[in-house]
PDB file of N, CA and C in Angstrom:
ATOM      1  N   MET A   1     126.942 113.995 100.161  1.00  0.00           N
ATOM      2  CA  MET A   1     126.790 112.723 101.255  1.00  0.00           C
ATOM      3  C   MET A   1     126.525 111.048 100.203  1.00  0.00           C
ATOM      4  N   LYS A   2     127.140 110.873  99.982  1.00  0.00           N
ATOM      5  CA  LYS A   2     126.264 109.567  99.795  1.00  0.00           C
ATOM      6  C   LYS A   2     125.208 108.556 100.354  1.00  0.00           C
ATOM      7  N   THR A   3     124.314 107.827 100.654  1.00  0.00           N
ATOM      8  CA  THR A   3     123.082 107.389 101.382  1.00  0.00           C
ATOM      9  C   THR A   3     123.774 105.947 101.819  1.00  0.00           C
ATOM     10  N   ASN A   4     123.976 105.527 103.233  1.00  0.00           N
ATOM     11  CA  ASN A   4     124.551 103.956 103.180  1.00  0.00           C
ATOM     12  C   ASN A   4     123.775 103.627 103.134  1.00  0.00           C
ATOM     13  N   PRO A   5     124.131 102.359 102.032  1.00  0.00           N
ATOM     14  CA  PRO A   5     123.340 101.247 101.873  1.00  0.00           C
ATOM     15  C   PRO A   5     122.269 100.369 102.466  1.00  0.00           C
ATOM     16  N   LEU A   6     123.126  99.789 103.955  1.00  0.00           N
ATOM     17  CA  LEU A   6     122.845  99.769 104.729  1.00  0.00           C
ATOM     18  C   LEU A   6     121.469 100.078 105.571  1.00  0.00           C
ATOM     19  N   ALA A   7     121.897 101.453 105.853  1.00  0.00           N
ATOM     20  CA  ALA A   7     121.065 102.234 107.097  1.00  0.00           C
ATOM     21  C   ALA A   7     119.474 102.102 106.094  1.00  0.00           C
ATOM     22  N   ARG A   8     119.934 102.569 104.213  1.00  0.00           N
ATOM     23  CA  ARG A   8     118.753 102.214 103.713  1.00  0.00           C
ATOM     24  C   ARG A   8     117.755 101.014 103.250  1.00  0.00           C
ATOM     25  N   GLN A   9     118.266  99.868 103.971  1.00  0.00           N
ATOM     26  CA  GLN A   9     117.978  98.620 103.774  1.00  0.00           C
ATOM     27  C   GLN A   9     117.305  98.534 104.999  1.00  0.00           C
ATOM     28  N   GLN A  10     117.953  98.634 106.282  1.00  0.00           N
ATOM     29  CA  GLN A  10     116.945  98.733 107.978  1.00  0.00           C
ATOM     30  C   GLN A  10     115.856  99.845 107.404  1.00  0.00           C
ATOM     31  N   GLU A  11     115.935 101.077 106.801  1.00  0.00           N
ATOM     32  CA  GLU A  11     115.368 102.042 106.693  1.00  0.00           C
ATOM     33  C   GLU A  11     113.975 101.410 106.468  1.00  0.00           C
ATOM     34  N   LEU A  12     114.071 100.252 104.551  1.00  0.00           N
ATOM     35  CA  LEU A  12     113.322  99.247 104.173  1.00  0.00           C
ATOM     36  C   LEU A  12     112.168  98.259 103.900  1.00  0.00           C
ATOM     37  N   ARG A  13     112.935  97.906 105.624  1.00  0.00           N
ATOM     38  CA  ARG A  13     112.745  97.234 106.171  1.00  0.00           C
ATOM     39  C   ARG A  13     112.171  97.253 107.310  1.00  0.00           C
ATOM     40  N   GLU A  14     112.031  98.077 107.751  1.00  0.00           N
ATOM     41  CA  GLU A  14     111.293  98.929 109.349  1.00  0.00           C
ATOM     42  C   GLU A  14     110.032  99.248 108.530  1.00  0.00           C
ATOM     43  N   ALA A  15     109.845  99.990 107.217  1.00  0.00           N
ATOM     44  CA  ALA A  15     108.568 100.762 106.390  1.00  0.00           C
ATOM     45  C   ALA A  15     107.600  99.618 105.866  1.00  0.00           C
ATOM     46  N   ALA A  16     108.272  98.282 105.683  1.00  0.00           N
ATOM     47  CA  ALA A  16     107.984  97.604 104.938  1.00  0.00           C
ATOM     48  C   ALA A  16     106.737  95.995 106.265  1.00  0.00           C
ATOM     49  N   ASP A  17     107.799  96.195 108.313  1.00  0.00           N
ATOM     50  CA  ASP A  17     107.673  95.714 108.588  1.00  0.00           C
ATOM     51  C   ASP A  17     105.905  96.816 109.397  1.00  0.00           C
ATOM     52  N   SER A  18     106.156  98.027 109.471  1.00  0.00           N
ATOM     53  CA  SER A  18     105.165  98.951 109.823  1.00  0.00           C
ATOM     54  C   SER A  18     103.454  98.766 108.812  1.00  0.00           C
ATOM     55  N   LEU A  19     104.266  98.719 107.724  1.00  0.00           N
ATOM     56  CA  LEU A  19     103.159  98.443 106.420  1.00  0.00           C
ATOM     57  C   LEU A  19     102.250  96.588 106.557  1.00  0.00           C
ATOM     58  N   ALA A  20     102.724  96.197 107.456  1.00  0.00           N
ATOM     59  CA  ALA A  20     102.566  94.828 107.180  1.00  0.00           C
ATOM     60  C   ALA A  20     101.534  94.430 108.844  1.00  0.00           C
ATOM     61  N   GLN A  21     102.462  95.431 109.200  1.00  0.00           N
ATOM     62  CA  GLN A  21     101.360  95.874 110.894  1.00  0.00           C
ATOM     63  C   GLN A  21     100.004  96.646 110.477  1.00  0.00           C
ATOM     64  N   ALA A  22     100.023  97.393 109.567  1.00  0.00           N
ATOM     65  CA  ALA A  22      98.922  98.373 109.224  1.00  0.00           C
ATOM     66  C   ALA A  22      97.801  96.913 108.481  1.00  0.00           C
ATOM     67  N   LEU A  23      97.999  96.350 107.318  1.00  0.00           N
ATOM     68  CA  LEU A  23      97.855  95.381 106.868  1.00  0.00           C
ATOM     69  C   LEU A  23      96.688  94.613 108.160  1.00  0.00           C
ATOM     70  N   LEU A  24      97.555  93.973 109.378  1.00  0.00           N
ATOM     71  CA  LEU A  24      97.445  92.922 109.942  1.00  0.00           C
ATOM     72  C   LEU A  24      96.253  94.146 110.752  1.00  0.00           C
ATOM     73  N   SER A  25      96.428  95.047 110.646  1.00  0.00           N
ATOM     74  CA  SER A  25      95.603  95.629 111.634  1.00  0.00           C
ATOM     75  C   SER A  25      94.021  95.929 111.716  1.00  0.00           C
ATOM     76  N   MET A  26      94.235  96.360 110.278  1.00  0.00           N
ATOM     77  CA  MET A  26      93.101  95.511 109.773  1.00  0.00           C
ATOM     78  C   MET A  26      91.660  95.384 110.250  1.00  0.00           C
ATOM     79  N   PRO A  27      90.311  95.629 110.645  1.00  0.00           N
ATOM     80  CA  PRO A  27      89.598  94.628 111.578  1.00  0.00           C
ATOM     81  C   PRO A  27      88.692  93.754 110.566  1.00  0.00           C
ATOM     82  N   ASP A  28      88.912  94.380 108.550  1.00  0.00           N
ATOM     83  CA  ASP A  28      87.862  92.764 108.463  1.00  0.00           C
ATOM     84  C   ASP A  28      88.255  93.059 106.844  1.00  0.00           C
ATOM     85  N   SER A  29      88.425  92.339 105.657  1.00  0.00           N
ATOM     86  CA  SER A  29      88.548  92.671 103.856  1.00  0.00           C
ATOM     87  C   SER A  29      88.404  93.881 103.760  1.00  0.00           C
ATOM     88  N   LYS A  30      87.472  94.508 103.988  1.00  0.00           N
ATOM     89  CA  LYS A  30      87.152  95.676 103.201  1.00  0.00           C
ATOM     90  C   LYS A  30      87.187  96.284 103.707  1.00  0.00           C
ATOM     91  N   ARG A  31      88.220  96.472 104.739  1.00  0.00           N
ATOM     92  CA  ARG A  31      89.464  97.744 105.085  1.00  0.00           C
ATOM     93  C   ARG A  31      90.830  97.970 105.253  1.00  0.00           C
ATOM     94  N   CYS A  32      90.675  96.377 104.606  1.00  0.00           N
ATOM     95  CA  CYS A  32      92.049  96.007 104.439  1.00  0.00           C
ATOM     96  C   CYS A  32      92.381  96.375 102.476  1.00  0.00           C
ATOM     97  N   LEU A  33      91.395  96.189 101.927  1.00  0.00           N
ATOM     98  CA  LEU A  33      90.999  96.658 101.017  1.00  0.00           C
ATOM     99  C   LEU A  33      91.181  97.964 100.997  1.00  0.00           C
ATOM    100  N   ALA A  34      90.646  98.893 101.407  1.00  0.00           N
ATOM    101  CA  ALA A  34      90.397  99.934 101.324  1.00  0.00           C
ATOM    102  C   ALA A  34      91.717 100.181 101.055  1.00  0.00           C
ATOM    103  N   LEU A  35      92.546 100.220 102.638  1.00  0.00           N
ATOM    104  CA  LEU A  35      94.211 100.348 102.272  1.00  0.00           C
ATOM    105  C   LEU A  35      95.248 100.156 101.129  1.00  0.00           C
ATOM    106  N   LEU A  36      94.556  98.880 100.476  1.00  0.00           N
ATOM    107  CA  LEU A  36      95.121  98.043  99.646  1.00  0.00           C
ATOM    108  C   LEU A  36      94.980  99.287  97.887  1.00  0.00           C
ATOM    109  N   ASP A  37      93.378  99.349  98.018  1.00  0.00           N
ATOM    110  CA  ASP A  37      93.406 100.127  97.386  1.00  0.00           C
ATOM    111  C   ASP A  37      93.637 102.358  97.061  1.00  0.00           C
ATOM    112  N   ASP A  38      94.231 102.663  98.497  1.00  0.00           N
ATOM    113  CA  ASP A  38      95.063 103.797  98.232  1.00  0.00           C
ATOM    114  C   ASP A  38      96.515 103.642  98.268  1.00  0.00           C
ATOM    115  N   LEU A  39      97.077 102.175  98.534  1.00  0.00           N
ATOM    116  CA  LEU A  39      98.560 102.495  98.377  1.00  0.00           C
ATOM    117  C   LEU A  39      98.696 101.579  97.176  1.00  0.00           C
ATOM    118  N   CYS A  40      97.550 101.308  96.243  1.00  0.00           N
ATOM    119  CA  CYS A  40      98.115 100.558  94.504  1.00  0.00           C
ATOM    120  C   CYS A  40      97.565 101.400  94.159  1.00  0.00           C
ATOM    121  N   THR A  41      98.178 101.612  92.610  1.00  0.00           N
ATOM    122  CA  THR A  41      97.739 101.808  91.138  1.00  0.00           C
ATOM    123  C   THR A  41      96.694 100.639  90.872  1.00  0.00           C
ATOM    124  N   PRO A  42      95.525 100.971  89.856  1.00  0.00           N
ATOM    125  CA  PRO A  42      94.853  99.933  89.492  1.00  0.00           C
ATOM    126  C   PRO A  42      95.490  98.499  88.950  1.00  0.00           C
ATOM    127  N   ALA A  43      97.070  99.080  88.384  1.00  0.00           N
ATOM    128  CA  ALA A  43      97.277  97.760  87.937  1.00  0.00           C
ATOM    129  C   ALA A  43      97.696  97.460  88.763  1.00  0.00           C
ATOM    130  N   GLU A  44      98.533  97.937  89.998  1.00  0.00           N
ATOM    131  CA  GLU A  44      99.567  97.280  90.626  1.00  0.00           C
ATOM    132  C   GLU A  44      98.788  95.703  91.541  1.00  0.00           C
ATOM    133  N   LEU A  45      97.237  96.801  91.940  1.00  0.00           N
ATOM    134  CA  LEU A  45      96.144  96.024  92.860  1.00  0.00           C
ATOM    135  C   LEU A  45      95.406  94.923  91.957  1.00  0.00           C
ATOM    136  N   GLU A  46      95.320  94.455  90.559  1.00  0.00           N
ATOM    137  CA  GLU A  46      95.862  93.830  89.563  1.00  0.00           C
ATOM    138  C   GLU A  46      96.353  93.104  89.504  1.00  0.00           C
ATOM    139  N   ALA A  47      97.766  93.353  89.864  1.00  0.00           N
ATOM    140  CA  ALA A  47      99.018  92.167  89.195  1.00  0.00           C
ATOM    141  C   ALA A  47      99.289  91.472  90.377  1.00  0.00           C
ATOM    142  N   ILE A  48      98.369  91.938  92.169  1.00  0.00           N
ATOM    143  CA  ILE A  48      98.385  90.963  92.958  1.00  0.00           C
ATOM    144  C   ILE A  48      98.009  90.604  93.091  1.00  0.00           C
ATOM    145  N   VAL A  49      96.302  90.815  92.896  1.00  0.00           N
ATOM    146  CA  VAL A  49      95.483  90.373  92.349  1.00  0.00           C
ATOM    147  C   VAL A  49      95.341  89.009  92.059  1.00  0.00           C
ATOM    148  N   ASP A  50      96.145  88.699  90.097  1.00  0.00           N
ATOM    149  CA  ASP A  50      96.248  87.705  89.424  1.00  0.00           C
ATOM    150  C   ASP A  50      97.093  86.714  90.474  1.00  0.00           C
ATOM    151  N   ARG A  51      97.759  87.489  90.753  1.00  0.00           N
ATOM    152  CA  ARG A  51      99.144  86.885  91.554  1.00  0.00           C
ATOM    153  C   ARG A  51      98.612  85.357  92.407  1.00  0.00           C
ATOM    154  N   TRP A  52      97.716  85.829  93.055  1.00  0.00           N
ATOM    155  CA  TRP A  52      96.895  85.599  94.367  1.00  0.00           C
ATOM    156  C   TRP A  52      95.905  84.227  93.597  1.00  0.00           C
ATOM    157  N   ARG A  53      95.251  84.557  92.620  1.00  0.00           N
ATOM    158  CA  ARG A  53      94.514  83.756  91.796  1.00  0.00           C
ATOM    159  C   ARG A  53      94.925  83.137  91.530  1.00  0.00           C
ATOM    160  N   VAL A  54      96.496  83.019  91.068  1.00  0.00           N
ATOM    161  CA  VAL A  54      97.476  81.981  90.551  1.00  0.00           C
ATOM    162  C   VAL A  54      97.474  80.938  91.954  1.00  0.00           C
ATOM    163  N   ALA A  55      98.132  81.730  92.761  1.00  0.00           N
ATOM    164  CA  ALA A  55      98.484  80.675  93.921  1.00  0.00           C
ATOM    165  C   ALA A  55      97.606  79.682  94.368  1.00  0.00           C
ATOM    166  N   MET A  56      96.726  80.185  94.249  1.00  0.00           N
ATOM    167  CA  MET A  56      94.983  79.604  94.615  1.00  0.00           C
ATOM    168  C   MET A  56      94.363  77.913  93.922  1.00  0.00           C
ATOM    169  N   LEU A  57      94.491  78.668  92.695  1.00  0.00           N
ATOM    170  CA  LEU A  57      94.754  77.798  91.691  1.00  0.00           C
ATOM    171  C   LEU A  57      96.132  76.741  91.237  1.00  0.00           C
ATOM    172  N   LEU A  58      96.885  77.030  91.136  1.00  0.00           N
ATOM    173  CA  LEU A  58      97.940  76.230  91.700  1.00  0.00           C
ATOM    174  C   LEU A  58      97.967  75.315  92.915  1.00  0.00           C
ATOM    175  N   ASP A  59      97.671  75.883  93.846  1.00  0.00           N
ATOM    176  CA  ASP A  59      97.439  75.282  95.400  1.00  0.00           C
ATOM    177  C   ASP A  59      96.525  73.738  94.822  1.00  0.00           C
ATOM    178  N   GLN A  60      95.712  74.047  94.423  1.00  0.00           N
ATOM    179  CA  GLN A  60      94.137  73.082  93.631  1.00  0.00           C
ATOM    180  C   GLN A  60      94.696  71.742  93.122  1.00  0.00           C
ATOM    181  N   GLY A  61      95.802  72.305  92.290  1.00  0.00           N
ATOM    182  CA  GLY A  61      96.410  71.876  91.423  1.00  0.00           C
ATOM    183  C   GLY A  61      96.841  71.686  89.899  1.00  0.00           C
ATOM    184  N   LEU A  62      95.479  73.385  89.656  1.00  0.00           N
ATOM    185  CA  LEU A  62      95.656  72.999  88.213  1.00  0.00           C
ATOM    186  C   LEU A  62      96.605  73.379  87.453  1.00  0.00           C
ATOM    187  N   PRO A  63      96.662  72.625  86.227  1.00  0.00           N
ATOM    188  CA  PRO A  63      97.970  73.108  85.599  1.00  0.00           C
ATOM    189  C   PRO A  63      97.818  74.211  84.714  1.00  0.00           C
ATOM    190  N   TYR A  64      98.885  74.971  84.212  1.00  0.00           N
ATOM    191  CA  TYR A  64      99.995  76.534  83.840  1.00  0.00           C
ATOM    192  C   TYR A  64      98.111  76.390  82.571  1.00  0.00           C
ATOM    193  N   ARG A  65      98.227  76.060  82.009  1.00  0.00           N
ATOM    194  CA  ARG A  65      97.994  75.615  81.111  1.00  0.00           C
ATOM    195  C   ARG A  65      95.833  76.478  81.249  1.00  0.00           C
ATOM    196  N   GLU A  66      95.729  75.311  82.007  1.00  0.00           N
ATOM    197  CA  GLU A  66      94.282  75.372  82.244  1.00  0.00           C
ATOM    198  C   GLU A  66      94.144  76.713  82.916  1.00  0.00           C
ATOM    199  N   ILE A  67      95.070  77.290  83.829  1.00  0.00           N
ATOM    200  CA  ILE A  67      95.244  78.773  84.966  1.00  0.00           C
ATOM    201  C   ILE A  67      95.113  79.950  83.839  1.00  0.00           C
ATOM    202  N   HIS A  68      96.377  79.684  82.728  1.00  0.00           N
ATOM    203  CA  HIS A  68      95.782  80.561  82.116  1.00  0.00           C
ATOM    204  C   HIS A  68      94.497  81.273  81.273  1.00  0.00           C
ATOM    205  N   ASP A  69      94.059  79.929  80.812  1.00  0.00           N
ATOM    206  CA  ASP A  69      92.726  79.609  80.257  1.00  0.00           C
ATOM    207  C   ASP A  69      91.381  80.952  81.259  1.00  0.00           C
ATOM    208  N   ARG A  70      92.112  80.446  82.751  1.00  0.00           N
ATOM    209  CA  ARG A  70      90.493  80.977  83.274  1.00  0.00           C
ATOM    210  C   ARG A  70      91.147  82.220  83.884  1.00  0.00           C
ATOM    211  N   THR A  71      92.621  82.498  83.481  1.00  0.00           N
ATOM    212  CA  THR A  71      92.389  83.943  84.736  1.00  0.00           C
ATOM    213  C   THR A  71      92.646  85.101  83.789  1.00  0.00           C
ATOM    214  N   GLY A  72      93.831  84.488  82.662  1.00  0.00           N
ATOM    215  CA  GLY A  72      94.719  85.958  81.034  1.00  0.00           C
ATOM    216  C   GLY A  72      96.073  85.766  81.906  1.00  0.00           C
ATOM    217  N   VAL A  73      96.367  85.085  82.229  1.00  0.00           N
ATOM    218  CA  VAL A  73      97.675  85.702  83.140  1.00  0.00           C
ATOM    219  C   VAL A  73      98.582  84.630  83.061  1.00  0.00           C
ATOM    220  N   SER A  74      99.866  85.565  81.782  1.00  0.00           N
ATOM    221  CA  SER A  74     100.500  84.175  81.213  1.00  0.00           C
ATOM    222  C   SER A  74     101.158  83.770  81.980  1.00  0.00           C
ATOM    223  N   VAL A  75     101.472  82.538  81.313  1.00  0.00           N
ATOM    224  CA  VAL A  75     102.353  81.247  81.426  1.00  0.00           C
ATOM    225  C   VAL A  75     103.414  81.929  82.421  1.00  0.00           C
ATOM    226  N   THR A  76     104.709  82.541  82.265  1.00  0.00           N
ATOM    227  CA  THR A  76     105.234  82.567  82.679  1.00  0.00           C
ATOM    228  C   THR A  76     105.268  83.670  83.936  1.00  0.00           C
ATOM    229  N   THR A  77     104.387  84.530  84.586  1.00  0.00           N
ATOM    230  CA  THR A  77     103.611  84.805  85.324  1.00  0.00           C
ATOM    231  C   THR A  77     103.291  83.390  86.021  1.00  0.00           C
ATOM    232  N   ILE A  78     102.632  82.495  85.731  1.00  0.00           N
ATOM    233  CA  ILE A  78     101.830  81.768  86.953  1.00  0.00           C
ATOM    234  C   ILE A  78     103.450  80.908  87.119  1.00  0.00           C
ATOM    235  N   GLY A  79     104.346  80.817  86.008  1.00  0.00           N
ATOM    236  CA  GLY A  79     105.231  79.445  86.396  1.00  0.00           C
ATOM    237  C   GLY A  79     105.972  80.575  87.583  1.00  0.00           C
ATOM    238  N   ARG A  80     106.469  81.552  87.014  1.00  0.00           N
ATOM    239  CA  ARG A  80     106.726  82.996  88.401  1.00  0.00           C
ATOM    240  C   ARG A  80     106.059  82.432  89.660  1.00  0.00           C
ATOM    241  N   VAL A  81     104.845  82.237  89.778  1.00  0.00           N
ATOM    242  CA  VAL A  81     103.886  82.711  91.298  1.00  0.00           C
ATOM    243  C   VAL A  81     104.762  81.346  92.145  1.00  0.00           C
ATOM    244  N   ALA A  82     104.372  80.024  90.621  1.00  0.00           N
ATOM    245  CA  ALA A  82     105.155  78.538  91.439  1.00  0.00           C
ATOM    246  C   ALA A  82     105.976  78.342  91.911  1.00  0.00           C
ATOM    247  N   ARG A  83     107.289  79.277  90.995  1.00  0.00           N
ATOM    248  CA  ARG A  83     108.418  79.180  92.159  1.00  0.00           C
ATOM    249  C   ARG A  83     108.698  80.096  93.417  1.00  0.00           C
ATOM    250  N   PHE A  84     107.567  80.749  93.669  1.00  0.00           N
ATOM    251  CA  PHE A  84     107.539  81.165  94.352  1.00  0.00           C
ATOM    252  C   PHE A  84     106.901  80.145  95.614  1.00  0.00           C
ATOM    253  N   ILE A  85     106.221  80.097  95.369  1.00  0.00           N
ATOM    254  CA  ILE A  85     105.589  78.872  96.333  1.00  0.00           C
ATOM    255  C   ILE A  85     106.852  77.815  96.457  1.00  0.00           C
ATOM    256  N   SER A  86     107.791  77.653  96.190  1.00  0.00           N
ATOM    257  CA  SER A  86     108.472  76.521  96.421  1.00  0.00           C
ATOM    258  C   SER A  86     109.242  77.138  96.798  1.00  0.00           C
ATOM    259  N   HIS A  87     110.110  77.722  96.012  1.00  0.00           N
ATOM    260  CA  HIS A  87     111.422  78.385  97.094  1.00  0.00           C
ATOM    261  C   HIS A  87     111.036  79.719  97.054  1.00  0.00           C
ATOM    262  N   GLY A  88     109.971  80.463  97.084  1.00  0.00           N
ATOM    263  CA  GLY A  88     110.614  81.758  98.608  1.00  0.00           C
ATOM    264  C   GLY A  88     110.403  81.738  99.670  1.00  0.00           C
ATOM    265  N   ALA A  89     109.639  83.097  99.575  1.00  0.00           N
ATOM    266  CA  ALA A  89     110.307  83.129 101.667  1.00  0.00           C
ATOM    267  C   ALA A  89     109.051  82.503 102.393  1.00  0.00           C
ATOM    268  N   GLY A  90     107.837  82.170 101.800  1.00  0.00           N
ATOM    269  CA  GLY A  90     107.036  80.593 102.314  1.00  0.00           C
ATOM    270  C   GLY A  90     105.684  81.889 102.399  1.00  0.00           C
ATOM    271  N   GLY A  91     105.506  82.740 101.995  1.00  0.00           N
ATOM    272  CA  GLY A  91     104.337  83.382 102.250  1.00  0.00           C
ATOM    273  C   GLY A  91     103.237  83.169 102.028  1.00  0.00           C
ATOM    274  N   TYR A  92     103.033  82.548 100.519  1.00  0.00           N
ATOM    275  CA  TYR A  92     102.193  81.831  99.373  1.00  0.00           C
ATOM    276  C   TYR A  92     101.786  80.429 100.296  1.00  0.00           C
ATOM    277  N   GLN A  93     102.584  79.872 100.954  1.00  0.00           N
ATOM    278  CA  GLN A  93     102.157  78.362 101.734  1.00  0.00           C
ATOM    279  C   GLN A  93     101.574  78.721 102.659  1.00  0.00           C
ATOM    280  N   GLN A  94     101.952  80.172 104.303  1.00  0.00           N
ATOM    281  CA  GLN A  94     101.650  80.455 105.007  1.00  0.00           C
ATOM    282  C   GLN A  94     100.269  80.661 104.939  1.00  0.00           C
ATOM    283  N   ALA A  95     100.098  81.627 103.733  1.00  0.00           N
ATOM    284  CA  ALA A  95      99.307  82.386 103.940  1.00  0.00           C
ATOM    285  C   ALA A  95      97.834  81.208 103.148  1.00  0.00           C
ATOM    286  N   LEU A  96      97.812  80.073 102.236  1.00  0.00           N
ATOM    287  CA  LEU A  96      97.537  79.348 101.278  1.00  0.00           C
ATOM    288  C   LEU A  96      96.942  78.403 102.640  1.00  0.00           C
ATOM    289  N   ALA A  97      97.722  77.801 103.311  1.00  0.00           N
ATOM    290  CA  ALA A  97      97.845  77.151 104.749  1.00  0.00           C
ATOM    291  C   ALA A  97      96.554  77.201 105.692  1.00  0.00           C
ATOM    292  N   THR A  98      96.679  79.024 105.828  1.00  0.00           N
ATOM    293  CA  THR A  98      95.716  79.047 106.792  1.00  0.00           C
ATOM    294  C   THR A  98      94.452  79.834 106.655  1.00  0.00           C
ATOM    295  N   LEU A  99      94.342  80.062 105.645  1.00  0.00           N
ATOM    296  CA  LEU A  99      92.819  79.780 104.191  1.00  0.00           C
ATOM    297  C   LEU A  99      92.297  78.586 104.644  1.00  0.00           C
ATOM    298  N   SER A 100      92.781  77.453 103.846  1.00  0.00           N
ATOM    299  CA  SER A 100      93.185  76.043 103.663  1.00  0.00           C
ATOM    300  C   SER A 100      92.411  75.713 105.016  1.00  0.00           C
ATOM    301  N   SER A 101      92.764  76.195 105.902  1.00  0.00           N
ATOM    302  CA  SER A 101      92.689  75.135 107.234  1.00  0.00           C
ATOM    303  C   SER A 101      90.887  76.041 108.005  1.00  0.00           C
ATOM    304  N   SER A 102      91.452  77.172 107.607  1.00  0.00           N
ATOM    305  CA  SER A 102      90.193  78.015 107.943  1.00  0.00           C
ATOM    306  C   SER A 102      89.112  77.988 107.171  1.00  0.00           C
ATOM    307  N   ASN A 103      89.066  77.670 105.895  1.00  0.00           N
ATOM    308  CA  ASN A 103      88.396  77.755 105.401  1.00  0.00           C
ATOM    309  C   ASN A 103      88.296  76.156 104.501  1.00  0.00           C
ATOM    310  N   PRO A 104      88.208  74.762 105.021  1.00  0.00           N
ATOM    311  CA  PRO A 104      88.686  73.401 103.729  1.00  0.00           C
ATOM    312  C   PRO A 104      87.772  73.612 103.395  1.00  0.00           C
ATOM    313  N   LYS A 105      86.544  73.885 103.093  1.00  0.00           N
ATOM    314  CA  LYS A 105      85.300  73.420 101.329  1.00  0.00           C
ATOM    315  C   LYS A 105      85.387  74.815 100.977  1.00  0.00           C
ATOM    316  N   GLN A 106      86.377  75.727 101.303  1.00  0.00           N
ATOM    317  CA  GLN A 106      85.819  77.205 100.518  1.00  0.00           C
ATOM    318  C   GLN A 106      86.842  76.002  98.792  1.00  0.00           C
ATOM    319  N   GLU A 107      86.031  76.768  97.324  1.00  0.00           N
ATOM    320  CA  GLU A 107      86.757  76.478  96.524  1.00  0.00           C
ATOM    321  C   GLU A 107      86.598  78.123  95.533  1.00  0.00           C
ATOM    322  N   THR A 108      87.754  78.052  94.694  1.00  0.00           N
ATOM    323  CA  THR A 108      87.495  79.166  93.536  1.00  0.00           C
ATOM    324  C   THR A 108      86.930  78.977  92.763  1.00  0.00           C
ATOM    325  N   ASN A 109      86.038  79.940  92.787  1.00  0.00           N
ATOM    326  CA  ASN A 109      85.474  80.347  90.982  1.00  0.00           C
ATOM    327  C   ASN A 109      85.746  80.840  90.403  1.00  0.00           C
ATOM    328  N   THR A 110      86.298  81.062  89.481  1.00  0.00           N
ATOM    329  CA  THR A 110      86.961  81.912  88.611  1.00  0.00           C
ATOM    330  C   THR A 110      85.898  81.525  87.029  1.00  0.00           C
TER     331      THR A 110
END
């Protein structure tokens, strides 16, 4: 019997929501990172961290080439992050705004 694609999508949405709730339930960044370490392979976690570093540097207005030189992330990936900042679901924008408002003088040193 074939799996109902709509039921599968609903299951995935529910699991994604559960994951988001689990991340939100962590009382501090150390425990959140422990959960991410358990969930992700080292390569997956590195890719996520790289994208976040790129998002923070783009938010500071740095050009792609300088971001590449600082992080080693490909210009293609930098462009992809920039596209999602502008035309994604709004997650990058919300997270960057939240961090900016809670740490207005925070600088990224990479």
